[in-house]
């Protein structure tokens, strides 16, 4: 606020507002895992908005969303690389005895507990599909 950085101030206020809204709706305090899922949801929303604004030729709005996305990502833990995710998925596949695409639900369920907040779950899903089909 002292730096007069309106974009950062408004983005952080929006993040806090989402957390408080969750707490009011659920009548419970948001834990670390919940806050991470709220931040991930906001990142996904920004990515979707950026894509839509770029398709619609609204560079000004897309740039604003990109700036907000960069601010929000500062509050997320570092994301794992595809190689790190693949190592964990291989361990999960071995521990669940998964062999075919029909076992994807088991693998994703087990992997989610280990990777939630640390990796993009759509990337995890793609890696699981690749490993189970190949």
N, C-alpha and C. Protein backbone atom coordinates (compact mmCIF):
# COMPACT_ATOMS: atom_id res chain seq x y z
N UNK A 1 0.82 -1.18 0.00
CA UNK A 1 0.00 0.00 0.00
C UNK A 1 0.87 1.26 0.00
N UNK A 2 1.97 1.20 0.75
CA UNK A 2 2.85 2.36 0.81
C UNK A 2 3.52 2.63 -0.53
N UNK A 3 3.73 1.56 -1.31
CA UNK A 3 4.35 1.72 -2.63
C UNK A 3 3.36 2.17 -3.69
N UNK A 4 2.08 2.26 -3.31
CA UNK A 4 1.01 2.65 -4.24
C UNK A 4 0.88 1.64 -5.39
N UNK A 5 1.17 0.36 -5.09
CA UNK A 5 1.04 -0.70 -6.08
C UNK A 5 -0.40 -1.23 -6.02
N UNK A 6 -1.26 -0.60 -6.79
CA UNK A 6 -2.69 -0.88 -6.76
C UNK A 6 -2.99 -2.32 -7.20
N UNK A 7 -2.32 -2.80 -8.23
CA UNK A 7 -2.57 -4.14 -8.74
C UNK A 7 -2.27 -5.21 -7.69
N UNK A 8 -1.11 -5.11 -7.05
CA UNK A 8 -0.75 -6.08 -6.02
C UNK A 8 -1.72 -5.99 -4.85
N UNK A 9 -2.03 -4.79 -4.41
CA UNK A 9 -2.96 -4.60 -3.30
C UNK A 9 -4.31 -5.24 -3.61
N UNK A 10 -4.84 -4.95 -4.79
CA UNK A 10 -6.16 -5.48 -5.15
C UNK A 10 -6.14 -6.99 -5.31
N UNK A 11 -5.06 -7.53 -5.85
CA UNK A 11 -4.95 -8.98 -6.03
C UNK A 11 -4.89 -9.69 -4.68
N UNK A 12 -4.12 -9.16 -3.75
CA UNK A 12 -4.02 -9.77 -2.42
C UNK A 12 -5.36 -9.65 -1.69
N UNK A 13 -6.02 -8.52 -1.84
CA UNK A 13 -7.35 -8.36 -1.23
C UNK A 13 -8.33 -9.39 -1.79
N UNK A 14 -8.25 -9.62 -3.10
CA UNK A 14 -9.12 -10.60 -3.74
C UNK A 14 -8.84 -12.00 -3.19
N UNK A 15 -7.58 -12.33 -3.00
CA UNK A 15 -7.18 -13.63 -2.46
C UNK A 15 -7.70 -13.80 -1.03
N UNK A 16 -7.52 -12.78 -0.21
CA UNK A 16 -8.01 -12.83 1.18
C UNK A 16 -9.53 -12.93 1.19
N UNK A 17 -10.18 -12.23 0.30
CA UNK A 17 -11.64 -12.28 0.21
C UNK A 17 -12.13 -13.68 -0.12
N UNK A 18 -11.45 -14.35 -1.04
CA UNK A 18 -11.83 -15.73 -1.40
C UNK A 18 -11.67 -16.67 -0.21
N UNK A 19 -10.61 -16.49 0.55
CA UNK A 19 -10.38 -17.34 1.73
C UNK A 19 -11.45 -17.09 2.77
N UNK A 20 -11.76 -15.81 3.02
CA UNK A 20 -12.81 -15.48 4.01
C UNK A 20 -14.18 -15.98 3.55
N UNK A 21 -14.44 -15.90 2.25
CA UNK A 21 -15.72 -16.39 1.73
C UNK A 21 -15.85 -17.89 1.96
N UNK A 22 -14.75 -18.62 1.75
CA UNK A 22 -14.75 -20.05 2.02
C UNK A 22 -15.06 -20.32 3.49
N UNK A 23 -14.40 -19.56 4.38
CA UNK A 23 -14.59 -19.77 5.82
C UNK A 23 -16.03 -19.47 6.24
N UNK A 24 -16.62 -18.44 5.67
CA UNK A 24 -18.01 -18.10 6.01
C UNK A 24 -18.97 -19.14 5.46
N UNK A 25 -18.76 -19.55 4.21
CA UNK A 25 -19.64 -20.54 3.59
C UNK A 25 -19.60 -21.88 4.31
N UNK A 26 -18.42 -22.28 4.74
CA UNK A 26 -18.25 -23.60 5.36
C UNK A 26 -18.23 -23.56 6.90
N UNK A 27 -18.32 -22.35 7.46
CA UNK A 27 -18.31 -22.18 8.91
C UNK A 27 -17.14 -22.92 9.56
N UNK A 28 -15.99 -22.81 8.91
CA UNK A 28 -14.78 -23.46 9.40
C UNK A 28 -13.57 -22.63 8.97
N UNK A 29 -12.52 -22.73 9.76
CA UNK A 29 -11.30 -22.02 9.41
C UNK A 29 -10.59 -22.75 8.28
N UNK A 30 -10.09 -21.99 7.33
CA UNK A 30 -9.38 -22.57 6.19
C UNK A 30 -7.98 -22.97 6.62
N UNK A 31 -7.66 -24.24 6.41
CA UNK A 31 -6.32 -24.74 6.70
C UNK A 31 -5.40 -24.50 5.53
N UNK A 32 -4.16 -24.91 5.70
CA UNK A 32 -3.15 -24.70 4.67
C UNK A 32 -3.54 -25.37 3.35
N UNK A 33 -4.03 -26.60 3.44
CA UNK A 33 -4.42 -27.34 2.24
C UNK A 33 -5.57 -26.65 1.51
N UNK A 34 -6.53 -26.14 2.27
CA UNK A 34 -7.67 -25.44 1.68
C UNK A 34 -7.23 -24.15 1.01
N UNK A 35 -6.35 -23.42 1.68
CA UNK A 35 -5.85 -22.17 1.10
C UNK A 35 -5.11 -22.46 -0.20
N UNK A 36 -4.32 -23.53 -0.23
CA UNK A 36 -3.62 -23.90 -1.46
C UNK A 36 -4.60 -24.22 -2.57
N UNK A 37 -5.68 -24.92 -2.26
CA UNK A 37 -6.66 -25.25 -3.29
C UNK A 37 -7.37 -23.99 -3.79
N UNK A 38 -7.61 -23.02 -2.89
CA UNK A 38 -8.21 -21.75 -3.31
C UNK A 38 -7.27 -21.00 -4.24
N UNK A 39 -5.99 -20.98 -3.90
CA UNK A 39 -5.00 -20.30 -4.75
C UNK A 39 -4.92 -21.00 -6.10
N UNK A 40 -4.93 -22.34 -6.10
CA UNK A 40 -4.88 -23.08 -7.37
C UNK A 40 -6.11 -22.78 -8.22
N UNK A 41 -7.26 -22.67 -7.58
CA UNK A 41 -8.48 -22.35 -8.31
C UNK A 41 -8.37 -20.97 -8.95
N UNK A 42 -7.79 -20.02 -8.21
CA UNK A 42 -7.61 -18.67 -8.74
C UNK A 42 -6.63 -18.66 -9.91
N UNK A 43 -5.58 -19.47 -9.82
CA UNK A 43 -4.62 -19.58 -10.92
C UNK A 43 -5.31 -20.13 -12.16
N UNK A 44 -6.11 -21.17 -11.97
CA UNK A 44 -6.84 -21.77 -13.09
C UNK A 44 -7.80 -20.76 -13.71
N UNK A 45 -8.50 -19.99 -12.88
CA UNK A 45 -9.40 -18.97 -13.39
C UNK A 45 -8.65 -17.93 -14.21
N UNK A 46 -7.49 -17.51 -13.71
CA UNK A 46 -6.70 -16.51 -14.45
C UNK A 46 -6.25 -17.07 -15.80
N UNK A 47 -5.77 -18.33 -15.80
CA UNK A 47 -5.33 -18.93 -17.05
C UNK A 47 -6.48 -19.01 -18.06
N UNK A 48 -7.66 -19.40 -17.60
CA UNK A 48 -8.83 -19.47 -18.48
C UNK A 48 -9.19 -18.08 -19.01
N UNK A 49 -9.15 -17.09 -18.13
CA UNK A 49 -9.48 -15.72 -18.53
C UNK A 49 -8.47 -15.19 -19.55
N UNK A 50 -7.20 -15.46 -19.31
CA UNK A 50 -6.16 -15.01 -20.24
C UNK A 50 -6.42 -15.59 -21.62
N UNK A 51 -6.71 -16.88 -21.66
CA UNK A 51 -6.97 -17.54 -22.95
C UNK A 51 -8.17 -16.92 -23.65
N UNK A 52 -9.24 -16.68 -22.90
CA UNK A 52 -10.45 -16.09 -23.50
C UNK A 52 -10.22 -14.66 -23.98
N UNK A 53 -9.51 -13.86 -23.18
CA UNK A 53 -9.24 -12.48 -23.56
C UNK A 53 -8.34 -12.42 -24.80
N UNK A 54 -7.37 -13.33 -24.88
CA UNK A 54 -6.50 -13.34 -26.05
C UNK A 54 -7.27 -13.75 -27.30
N UNK A 55 -8.18 -14.72 -27.15
CA UNK A 55 -9.01 -15.11 -28.29
C UNK A 55 -9.91 -13.97 -28.73
N UNK A 56 -10.37 -13.19 -27.76
CA UNK A 56 -11.28 -12.09 -28.06
C UNK A 56 -10.57 -10.81 -28.46
N UNK A 57 -9.25 -10.83 -28.52
CA UNK A 57 -8.49 -9.66 -28.94
C UNK A 57 -8.42 -8.57 -27.89
N UNK A 58 -8.58 -8.92 -26.63
CA UNK A 58 -8.53 -7.95 -25.54
C UNK A 58 -7.20 -8.05 -24.82
N UNK A 59 -6.15 -7.55 -25.47
CA UNK A 59 -4.80 -7.62 -24.91
C UNK A 59 -4.71 -6.89 -23.57
N UNK A 60 -5.42 -5.78 -23.43
CA UNK A 60 -5.37 -5.01 -22.19
C UNK A 60 -5.87 -5.83 -21.00
N UNK A 61 -6.97 -6.54 -21.17
CA UNK A 61 -7.51 -7.37 -20.09
C UNK A 61 -6.64 -8.60 -19.85
N UNK A 62 -6.11 -9.16 -20.94
CA UNK A 62 -5.23 -10.32 -20.81
C UNK A 62 -3.97 -9.94 -20.03
N UNK A 63 -3.42 -8.76 -20.31
CA UNK A 63 -2.22 -8.30 -19.60
C UNK A 63 -2.50 -8.12 -18.11
N UNK A 64 -3.68 -7.60 -17.77
CA UNK A 64 -4.04 -7.42 -16.36
C UNK A 64 -4.13 -8.79 -15.67
N UNK A 65 -4.74 -9.76 -16.33
CA UNK A 65 -4.87 -11.10 -15.76
C UNK A 65 -3.49 -11.76 -15.60
N UNK A 66 -2.61 -11.54 -16.56
CA UNK A 66 -1.25 -12.09 -16.48
C UNK A 66 -0.52 -11.49 -15.28
N UNK A 67 -0.68 -10.20 -15.08
CA UNK A 67 -0.04 -9.55 -13.92
C UNK A 67 -0.59 -10.10 -12.62
N UNK A 68 -1.91 -10.29 -12.54
CA UNK A 68 -2.52 -10.86 -11.34
C UNK A 68 -2.02 -12.29 -11.12
N UNK A 69 -1.91 -13.04 -12.19
CA UNK A 69 -1.44 -14.43 -12.10
C UNK A 69 -0.03 -14.49 -11.52
N UNK A 70 0.84 -13.60 -11.96
CA UNK A 70 2.21 -13.57 -11.44
C UNK A 70 2.22 -13.27 -9.94
N UNK A 71 1.35 -12.38 -9.50
CA UNK A 71 1.27 -12.04 -8.07
C UNK A 71 0.75 -13.23 -7.28
N UNK A 72 -0.30 -13.87 -7.77
CA UNK A 72 -0.89 -15.01 -7.07
C UNK A 72 0.10 -16.16 -6.96
N UNK A 73 0.86 -16.41 -8.02
CA UNK A 73 1.82 -17.52 -8.02
C UNK A 73 2.92 -17.35 -6.98
N UNK A 74 3.16 -16.12 -6.52
CA UNK A 74 4.15 -15.89 -5.47
C UNK A 74 3.76 -16.59 -4.17
N UNK A 75 2.47 -16.83 -4.01
CA UNK A 75 1.96 -17.41 -2.76
C UNK A 75 1.77 -18.91 -2.85
N UNK A 76 2.15 -19.49 -3.96
CA UNK A 76 2.08 -20.94 -4.13
C UNK A 76 3.44 -21.56 -3.88
N UNK A 77 3.46 -22.79 -3.38
CA UNK A 77 4.75 -23.47 -3.25
C UNK A 77 5.32 -23.75 -4.65
N UNK A 78 6.62 -23.96 -4.70
CA UNK A 78 7.26 -24.26 -5.98
C UNK A 78 6.65 -25.52 -6.57
N UNK A 79 6.39 -25.48 -7.86
CA UNK A 79 5.77 -26.61 -8.53
C UNK A 79 6.84 -27.63 -8.94
N UNK A 80 6.47 -28.90 -8.88
CA UNK A 80 7.39 -29.98 -9.22
C UNK A 80 7.55 -30.06 -10.74
N UNK A 81 8.69 -30.56 -11.16
CA UNK A 81 8.93 -30.75 -12.58
C UNK A 81 8.24 -32.03 -13.05
N UNK A 82 8.11 -32.17 -14.36
CA UNK A 82 7.47 -33.36 -14.94
C UNK A 82 8.24 -34.62 -14.56
N UNK A 83 9.56 -34.52 -14.49
CA UNK A 83 10.37 -35.69 -14.14
C UNK A 83 10.11 -36.13 -12.70
N UNK A 84 10.02 -35.17 -11.80
CA UNK A 84 9.75 -35.49 -10.39
C UNK A 84 8.35 -36.11 -10.25
N UNK A 85 7.40 -35.56 -10.97
CA UNK A 85 6.04 -36.10 -10.94
C UNK A 85 6.02 -37.52 -11.46
N UNK A 86 6.74 -37.75 -12.54
CA UNK A 86 6.77 -39.09 -13.14
C UNK A 86 7.35 -40.12 -12.17
N UNK A 87 8.38 -39.75 -11.42
CA UNK A 87 8.96 -40.68 -10.43
C UNK A 87 7.93 -41.05 -9.37
N UNK A 88 7.20 -40.07 -8.88
CA UNK A 88 6.18 -40.34 -7.87
C UNK A 88 5.06 -41.19 -8.45
N UNK A 89 4.63 -40.87 -9.66
CA UNK A 89 3.55 -41.64 -10.31
C UNK A 89 3.98 -43.08 -10.51
N UNK A 90 5.22 -43.30 -10.92
CA UNK A 90 5.72 -44.68 -11.09
C UNK A 90 5.64 -45.45 -9.77
N UNK A 91 6.01 -44.80 -8.67
CA UNK A 91 5.91 -45.44 -7.35
C UNK A 91 4.46 -45.75 -7.00
N UNK A 92 3.56 -44.81 -7.30
CA UNK A 92 2.13 -45.02 -7.01
C UNK A 92 1.58 -46.16 -7.84
N UNK A 93 1.98 -46.24 -9.11
CA UNK A 93 1.51 -47.33 -9.99
C UNK A 93 1.96 -48.67 -9.43
N UNK A 94 3.21 -48.73 -8.98
CA UNK A 94 3.72 -49.99 -8.40
C UNK A 94 2.98 -50.35 -7.12
N UNK A 95 2.75 -49.36 -6.25
CA UNK A 95 2.10 -49.64 -4.97
C UNK A 95 0.62 -50.00 -5.11
N UNK A 96 -0.04 -49.48 -6.16
CA UNK A 96 -1.46 -49.80 -6.37
C UNK A 96 -1.66 -50.96 -7.33
N UNK A 97 -0.57 -51.50 -7.87
CA UNK A 97 -0.62 -52.58 -8.86
C UNK A 97 -1.48 -52.22 -10.07
N UNK A 98 -1.41 -50.97 -10.47
CA UNK A 98 -2.17 -50.50 -11.63
C UNK A 98 -1.49 -50.95 -12.91
N UNK A 99 -2.30 -51.37 -13.88
CA UNK A 99 -1.74 -51.85 -15.14
C UNK A 99 -2.40 -51.23 -16.37
N UNK A 100 -3.68 -50.87 -16.28
CA UNK A 100 -4.40 -50.37 -17.45
C UNK A 100 -5.04 -49.02 -17.14
N UNK A 101 -5.62 -48.42 -18.16
CA UNK A 101 -6.30 -47.14 -18.01
C UNK A 101 -7.48 -47.25 -17.04
N UNK A 102 -8.00 -48.44 -16.85
CA UNK A 102 -9.12 -48.63 -15.93
C UNK A 102 -8.69 -48.39 -14.48
N UNK A 103 -7.40 -48.44 -14.24
CA UNK A 103 -6.87 -48.22 -12.89
C UNK A 103 -6.50 -46.76 -12.64
N UNK A 104 -6.81 -45.89 -13.59
CA UNK A 104 -6.41 -44.48 -13.48
C UNK A 104 -7.00 -43.82 -12.23
N UNK A 105 -8.23 -44.14 -11.88
CA UNK A 105 -8.86 -43.55 -10.70
C UNK A 105 -8.09 -43.87 -9.43
N UNK A 106 -7.65 -45.13 -9.31
CA UNK A 106 -6.86 -45.53 -8.13
C UNK A 106 -5.56 -44.75 -8.07
N UNK A 107 -4.89 -44.64 -9.22
CA UNK A 107 -3.60 -43.97 -9.27
C UNK A 107 -3.76 -42.48 -8.96
N UNK A 108 -4.75 -41.85 -9.56
CA UNK A 108 -4.97 -40.42 -9.33
C UNK A 108 -5.33 -40.14 -7.87
N UNK A 109 -6.14 -41.00 -7.28
CA UNK A 109 -6.51 -40.83 -5.88
C UNK A 109 -5.31 -40.89 -4.96
N UNK A 110 -4.45 -41.87 -5.20
CA UNK A 110 -3.25 -42.01 -4.37
C UNK A 110 -2.25 -40.89 -4.65
N UNK A 111 -2.13 -40.49 -5.90
CA UNK A 111 -1.17 -39.45 -6.26
C UNK A 111 -1.61 -38.08 -5.77
N UNK A 112 -2.91 -37.85 -5.74
CA UNK A 112 -3.41 -36.53 -5.34
C UNK A 112 -2.96 -36.17 -3.93
N UNK A 113 -2.99 -37.14 -3.03
CA UNK A 113 -2.58 -36.84 -1.65
C UNK A 113 -1.11 -36.44 -1.56
N UNK A 114 -0.30 -36.98 -2.45
CA UNK A 114 1.14 -36.67 -2.42
C UNK A 114 1.48 -35.40 -3.21
N UNK A 115 0.67 -35.09 -4.24
CA UNK A 115 1.05 -34.02 -5.15
C UNK A 115 0.19 -32.76 -5.06
N UNK A 116 -0.89 -32.80 -4.29
CA UNK A 116 -1.80 -31.65 -4.21
C UNK A 116 -1.04 -30.42 -3.75
N UNK A 117 -1.13 -29.35 -4.53
CA UNK A 117 -0.46 -28.10 -4.19
C UNK A 117 0.98 -28.03 -4.65
N UNK A 118 1.56 -29.17 -4.99
CA UNK A 118 2.96 -29.20 -5.41
C UNK A 118 3.10 -29.35 -6.91
N UNK A 119 1.99 -29.75 -7.56
CA UNK A 119 2.04 -29.98 -9.01
C UNK A 119 0.69 -29.66 -9.63
N UNK A 120 0.73 -29.29 -10.89
CA UNK A 120 -0.49 -29.04 -11.66
C UNK A 120 -1.16 -30.39 -11.90
N UNK A 121 -2.39 -30.55 -11.39
CA UNK A 121 -3.05 -31.85 -11.46
C UNK A 121 -3.41 -32.25 -12.89
N UNK A 122 -3.55 -31.31 -13.81
CA UNK A 122 -3.80 -31.68 -15.20
C UNK A 122 -2.53 -32.30 -15.80
N UNK A 123 -1.37 -31.81 -15.40
CA UNK A 123 -0.10 -32.40 -15.84
C UNK A 123 0.04 -33.80 -15.25
N UNK A 124 -0.33 -33.94 -13.98
CA UNK A 124 -0.28 -35.26 -13.33
C UNK A 124 -1.18 -36.23 -14.08
N UNK A 125 -2.38 -35.79 -14.41
CA UNK A 125 -3.33 -36.65 -15.14
C UNK A 125 -2.76 -37.09 -16.48
N UNK A 126 -2.14 -36.16 -17.20
CA UNK A 126 -1.54 -36.50 -18.50
C UNK A 126 -0.42 -37.52 -18.35
N UNK A 127 0.40 -37.35 -17.31
CA UNK A 127 1.51 -38.29 -17.08
C UNK A 127 0.96 -39.67 -16.72
N UNK A 128 -0.08 -39.71 -15.88
CA UNK A 128 -0.69 -41.00 -15.52
C UNK A 128 -1.24 -41.69 -16.77
N UNK A 129 -1.94 -40.95 -17.62
CA UNK A 129 -2.48 -41.52 -18.86
C UNK A 129 -1.36 -42.09 -19.72
N UNK A 130 -0.29 -41.31 -19.83
CA UNK A 130 0.85 -41.73 -20.66
C UNK A 130 1.48 -43.02 -20.12
N UNK A 131 1.67 -43.08 -18.81
CA UNK A 131 2.33 -44.25 -18.21
C UNK A 131 1.43 -45.48 -18.24
N UNK A 132 0.14 -45.30 -18.06
CA UNK A 132 -0.76 -46.46 -18.05
C UNK A 132 -1.07 -46.96 -19.46
N UNK A 133 -1.00 -46.09 -20.44
CA UNK A 133 -1.30 -46.53 -21.80
C UNK A 133 -0.06 -47.02 -22.53
N UNK A 134 1.10 -46.64 -22.05
CA UNK A 134 2.33 -47.00 -22.77
C UNK A 134 3.12 -47.98 -22.09
